[in-house]
Amino acid sequence: MEEERQEGTAQQPAKMTRAQKKALRKEKVRQKRAARNLHVRLIPANKKGYHINHFMNFLRFLLYPVHFIFYPYKLHGHTKVGKGACIYFGNHYCIYDIFYPARTTREGIHYLAKQSVLEAPVLNWWGSWMGAIGAMRDGADVRTVMESIKVLKNGEKLSLFPEGTRNKTDSDDFLPFHGGAALLAIKTHSPIVPFVICNRPHLFHVTHVVFGEPFELTEYYGRKLTSADYEEADGKLRQKLYDMREEFRASRRKKKK
């Protein structure tokens, strides 16, 4: 009997420490936040065919003046994007970069953001109402691809920063690009709207942002593509941003002369 009592005592689970309980509560909260952005919030089209996100319009009204005062900017090129699906594709310096695509359209935009960002307390709620899509760091999240395709097939706009994170280096080069933009554009036959931020944003200094004409990767349509083909297409998109920036800088140098 004594042996059985000892065995029963040994089988009882050990009591959790205060730190373990705290970690468990944090994990439950994180999972709850992650579930909130598990599926993207689609925006139905109105009678005129526009996908209007009223929460985004509220942020436009509230934050545009603040952004322009402290981080003034000037948009160049194709600054008016019509209704319908498209993929905004550009480089990334700071969190304010999300305002530039939003200035070119009256429709809502779904932004691709790091999943860890969308699990933060305030940004989780913000991302849910904005229709943001969480993306894993390694870019291998199948759910991210499927949710993005769902957005584009619904006729809505998607914005992504292929560098994956803010470029905080002193170099003029872009960070290594993550693949995926070309795949989404080819799979859904969606036009790409390239934009390049030509100088790093600084407080009270004008930032110049160039938008290119929307274009499609039609040369890849109707083909059985390999990973090398998608890599080639992503390389073309990257080079497009370099070319746009150099063309803009050359025109500026010419005007100064």
Protein backbone atom coordinates (compact mmCIF):
# COMPACT_ATOMS: atom_id res chain seq x y z
CA MET A 1 0.00 0.00 0.00
CA GLU A 2 2.84 2.35 0.84
CA GLU A 3 4.43 1.66 -2.56
CA GLU A 4 1.14 2.39 -4.38
CA ARG A 5 0.77 5.67 -2.45
CA GLN A 6 4.28 6.69 -3.46
CA GLU A 7 3.65 5.79 -7.11
CA GLY A 8 0.41 7.84 -7.09
CA THR A 9 2.23 10.80 -5.62
CA ALA A 10 4.94 10.54 -8.26
CA GLN A 11 2.38 10.52 -11.05
CA GLN A 12 0.76 13.78 -9.88
CA PRO A 13 1.78 16.73 -12.11
CA ALA A 14 4.21 19.19 -10.56
CA LYS A 15 2.78 22.58 -9.61
CA MET A 16 3.53 25.35 -12.09
CA THR A 17 5.71 28.20 -10.96
CA ARG A 18 4.54 31.81 -11.19
CA ALA A 19 6.82 32.41 -14.18
CA GLN A 20 5.43 29.37 -15.99
CA LYS A 21 1.85 30.51 -15.37
CA LYS A 22 2.70 33.96 -16.70
CA ALA A 23 4.32 32.46 -19.80
CA LEU A 24 1.26 30.27 -20.38
CA ARG A 25 -1.10 33.26 -20.13
CA LYS A 26 1.07 35.21 -22.60
CA GLU A 27 1.00 32.33 -25.06
CA LYS A 28 -2.79 32.06 -24.86
CA VAL A 29 -3.13 35.80 -25.52
CA ARG A 30 -0.71 35.54 -28.45
CA GLN A 31 -2.69 32.68 -29.96
CA LYS A 32 -5.92 34.64 -29.56
CA ARG A 33 -4.41 37.65 -31.34
CA ALA A 34 -3.01 35.43 -34.09
CA ALA A 35 -6.45 33.85 -34.62
CA ARG A 36 -7.98 37.33 -35.10
CA ASN A 37 -5.86 37.88 -38.23
CA LEU A 38 -5.92 34.27 -39.38
CA HIS A 39 -8.29 35.05 -42.24
CA VAL A 40 -8.20 38.32 -44.13
CA ARG A 41 -11.16 40.69 -43.91
CA LEU A 42 -12.41 41.09 -47.49
CA ILE A 43 -14.04 44.36 -48.56
CA PRO A 44 -17.18 44.05 -50.73
CA ALA A 45 -17.48 46.34 -53.74
CA ASN A 46 -20.00 49.15 -53.67
CA LYS A 47 -22.44 49.97 -56.49
CA LYS A 48 -19.69 51.76 -58.44
CA GLY A 49 -17.29 48.83 -58.10
CA TYR A 50 -14.99 50.43 -55.52
CA HIS A 51 -13.76 48.47 -52.50
CA ILE A 52 -13.96 51.17 -49.83
CA ASN A 53 -12.42 50.58 -46.42
CA HIS A 54 -14.05 53.15 -44.13
CA PHE A 55 -11.56 52.56 -41.34
CA MET A 56 -8.70 53.31 -43.74
CA ASN A 57 -10.48 56.46 -44.91
CA PHE A 58 -10.72 57.55 -41.28
CA LEU A 59 -6.96 57.03 -40.88
CA ARG A 60 -6.34 58.94 -44.10
CA PHE A 61 -8.26 61.91 -42.75
CA LEU A 62 -6.62 61.70 -39.34
CA LEU A 63 -2.98 60.92 -40.15
CA TYR A 64 -2.22 62.39 -43.59
CA PRO A 65 -1.80 65.97 -42.28
CA VAL A 66 0.40 64.78 -39.40
CA HIS A 67 2.54 62.70 -41.72
CA PHE A 68 2.92 65.49 -44.24
CA ILE A 69 3.95 68.06 -41.63
CA PHE A 70 6.63 65.96 -39.96
CA TYR A 71 7.72 63.82 -42.92
CA PRO A 72 6.83 65.86 -46.04
CA TYR A 73 6.84 64.01 -49.34
CA LYS A 74 6.26 64.50 -53.03
CA LEU A 75 4.80 61.84 -55.31
CA HIS A 76 5.94 61.57 -58.93
CA GLY A 77 4.80 59.56 -61.92
CA HIS A 78 1.63 57.47 -62.02
CA THR A 79 0.03 58.81 -58.85
CA LYS A 80 -3.60 57.88 -59.62
CA VAL A 81 -4.39 54.18 -59.66
CA GLY A 82 -7.84 53.14 -60.86
CA LYS A 83 -10.19 50.66 -59.27
CA GLY A 84 -9.61 46.93 -59.39
CA ALA A 85 -6.99 44.46 -58.26
CA CYS A 86 -3.29 45.34 -58.31
CA ILE A 87 -0.09 44.70 -56.37
CA TYR A 88 1.89 47.63 -55.00
CA PHE A 89 5.57 46.70 -54.95
CA GLY A 90 8.21 48.97 -53.39
CA ASN A 91 11.21 49.40 -51.12
CA HIS A 92 10.89 50.02 -47.40
CA TYR A 93 12.53 52.52 -45.02
CA CYS A 94 10.06 53.23 -42.22
CA ILE A 95 6.53 52.57 -41.03
CA TYR A 96 5.27 55.73 -42.78
CA ASP A 97 5.94 54.08 -46.15
CA ILE A 98 2.44 52.61 -46.06
CA PHE A 99 1.01 56.09 -46.66
CA TYR A 100 2.49 56.43 -50.15
CA PRO A 101 0.42 53.73 -51.91
CA ALA A 102 -2.66 54.89 -49.97
CA ARG A 103 -2.31 58.36 -51.55
CA THR A 104 -2.78 56.97 -55.06
CA THR A 105 -6.20 55.39 -54.60
CA ARG A 106 -9.53 55.91 -52.87
CA GLU A 107 -9.91 52.16 -52.31
CA GLY A 108 -8.76 50.07 -49.40
CA ILE A 109 -5.37 48.34 -49.49
CA HIS A 110 -4.40 45.07 -47.83
CA TYR A 111 -0.84 45.26 -46.51
CA LEU A 112 1.44 42.31 -45.98
CA ALA A 113 2.98 42.58 -42.51
CA LYS A 114 5.17 40.38 -40.35
CA GLN A 115 3.05 37.98 -38.33
CA SER A 116 4.88 39.01 -35.15
CA VAL A 117 3.79 42.63 -35.72
CA LEU A 118 0.14 41.65 -36.05
CA GLU A 119 0.34 39.85 -32.71
CA ALA A 120 1.28 43.06 -30.87
CA PRO A 121 -1.46 44.51 -28.59
CA VAL A 122 -2.54 47.60 -30.57
CA LEU A 123 -1.31 46.65 -34.03
CA ASN A 124 -3.29 43.42 -33.84
CA TRP A 125 -6.57 45.35 -33.66
CA TRP A 126 -5.37 47.83 -36.29
CA GLY A 127 -4.33 45.04 -38.66
CA SER A 128 -7.66 43.30 -38.33
CA TRP A 129 -9.64 46.39 -39.41
CA MET A 130 -7.15 47.25 -42.15
CA GLY A 131 -7.39 43.76 -43.59
CA ALA A 132 -3.65 43.16 -43.14
CA ILE A 133 -2.20 39.75 -43.97
CA GLY A 134 0.38 38.19 -41.66
CA ALA A 135 3.52 36.82 -43.30
CA MET A 136 6.19 34.58 -41.80
CA ARG A 137 9.82 35.74 -41.87
CA ASP A 138 10.98 32.95 -44.18
CA GLY A 139 8.26 33.71 -46.74
CA ALA A 140 7.23 30.04 -46.81
CA ASP A 141 3.78 30.52 -45.28
CA VAL A 142 1.25 28.89 -47.60
CA ARG A 143 -1.61 30.61 -45.76
CA THR A 144 -0.13 34.03 -46.63
CA VAL A 145 -0.10 33.15 -50.32
CA MET A 146 -3.66 31.79 -50.26
CA GLU A 147 -5.04 34.82 -48.41
CA SER A 148 -3.25 37.18 -50.82
CA ILE A 149 -4.69 35.35 -53.82
CA LYS A 150 -8.14 35.58 -52.22
CA VAL A 151 -7.75 39.38 -51.94
CA LEU A 152 -6.66 39.82 -55.56
CA LYS A 153 -9.36 37.55 -56.95
CA ASN A 154 -11.89 39.64 -55.05
CA GLY A 155 -10.74 42.63 -57.11
CA GLU A 156 -8.90 44.33 -54.24
CA LYS A 157 -5.47 45.88 -53.84
CA LEU A 158 -2.45 44.37 -52.11
CA SER A 159 0.71 46.16 -51.00
CA LEU A 160 3.94 44.44 -50.06
CA PHE A 161 7.52 45.37 -49.30
CA PRO A 162 9.74 42.60 -50.71
CA GLU A 163 12.65 43.54 -48.47
CA GLY A 164 10.61 42.08 -45.62
CA THR A 165 11.78 44.62 -43.07
CA ARG A 166 12.84 48.26 -42.84
CA ASN A 167 16.14 49.10 -44.51
CA LYS A 168 18.22 50.69 -41.75
CA THR A 169 21.60 50.33 -43.48
CA ASP A 170 23.67 53.23 -44.79
CA SER A 171 23.95 51.55 -48.18
CA ASP A 172 22.07 52.83 -51.23
CA ASP A 173 21.26 49.24 -52.20
CA PHE A 174 18.04 47.50 -51.35
CA LEU A 175 18.00 44.66 -48.87
CA PRO A 176 17.70 41.15 -50.36
CA PHE A 177 14.21 40.71 -51.77
CA HIS A 178 11.87 37.93 -50.66
CA GLY A 179 10.08 36.18 -53.49
CA GLY A 180 6.32 36.01 -53.85
CA ALA A 181 5.22 39.16 -55.67
CA ALA A 182 5.78 37.67 -59.11
CA LEU A 183 4.03 34.44 -58.15
CA LEU A 184 0.94 36.33 -56.95
CA ALA A 185 0.87 38.55 -60.04
CA ILE A 186 1.20 35.60 -62.43
CA LYS A 187 -1.26 33.33 -60.63
CA THR A 188 -3.99 35.99 -60.52
CA HIS A 189 -3.07 37.93 -63.72
CA SER A 190 -2.91 41.09 -61.61
CA PRO A 191 -1.09 44.26 -62.67
CA ILE A 192 1.89 45.44 -60.61
CA VAL A 193 2.27 49.06 -59.54
CA PRO A 194 5.98 49.61 -58.77
CA PHE A 195 7.04 52.46 -56.52
CA VAL A 196 10.44 53.48 -55.26
CA ILE A 197 11.30 55.74 -52.34
CA CYS A 198 14.26 57.65 -53.75
CA ASN A 199 15.70 59.05 -50.53
CA ARG A 200 15.55 57.98 -46.91
CA PRO A 201 12.78 59.83 -45.00
CA HIS A 202 14.01 62.34 -42.43
CA LEU A 203 12.16 64.68 -40.12
CA PHE A 204 11.10 67.88 -41.94
CA HIS A 205 12.91 66.82 -45.15
CA VAL A 206 11.02 66.12 -48.37
CA THR A 207 10.93 62.48 -49.47
CA HIS A 208 10.55 61.82 -53.19
CA VAL A 209 8.51 58.76 -54.19
CA VAL A 210 8.16 57.66 -57.81
CA PHE A 211 5.27 55.47 -59.01
CA GLY A 212 5.56 53.58 -62.25
CA GLU A 213 2.87 52.68 -64.74
CA PRO A 214 0.98 49.47 -63.89
CA PHE A 215 2.21 46.51 -65.93
CA GLU A 216 1.65 42.76 -66.10
CA LEU A 217 4.06 39.85 -66.40
CA THR A 218 2.23 38.60 -69.47
CA GLU A 219 5.30 36.78 -70.80
CA TYR A 220 4.82 34.23 -68.00
CA TYR A 221 1.09 33.66 -68.49
CA GLY A 222 -0.11 30.28 -69.77
CA ARG A 223 3.20 28.54 -69.08
CA LYS A 224 4.23 25.80 -66.71
CA LEU A 225 6.71 27.70 -64.57
CA THR A 226 9.56 26.48 -62.43
CA SER A 227 11.06 28.05 -59.32
CA ALA A 228 13.79 29.46 -61.57
CA ASP A 229 11.15 31.23 -63.68
CA TYR A 230 9.60 32.86 -60.60
CA GLU A 231 13.05 33.85 -59.39
CA GLU A 232 13.75 35.44 -62.77
CA ALA A 233 10.46 37.36 -62.64
CA ASP A 234 11.19 38.62 -59.12
CA GLY A 235 14.62 39.74 -60.35
CA LYS A 236 12.95 41.80 -63.09
CA LEU A 237 10.77 43.52 -60.50
CA ARG A 238 13.80 44.35 -58.38
CA GLN A 239 15.64 45.79 -61.38
CA LYS A 240 12.55 47.82 -62.26
CA LEU A 241 12.85 49.70 -58.95
CA TYR A 242 16.56 50.38 -59.50
CA ASP A 243 15.85 51.69 -63.01
CA MET A 244 13.03 53.96 -61.83
CA ARG A 245 15.18 55.45 -59.10
CA GLU A 246 18.14 56.05 -61.37
CA GLU A 247 15.92 57.63 -64.04
CA PHE A 248 14.44 59.99 -61.45
CA ARG A 249 17.84 60.97 -60.05
CA ALA A 250 19.20 61.55 -63.54
CA SER A 251 16.28 63.86 -64.37
CA ARG A 252 16.90 65.78 -61.13
CA ARG A 253 20.59 66.21 -61.95
CA LYS A 254 19.67 67.44 -65.42
CA LYS A 255 17.24 70.03 -64.01
CA LYS A 256 19.85 71.32 -61.58
CA LYS A 257 22.34 71.83 -64.39
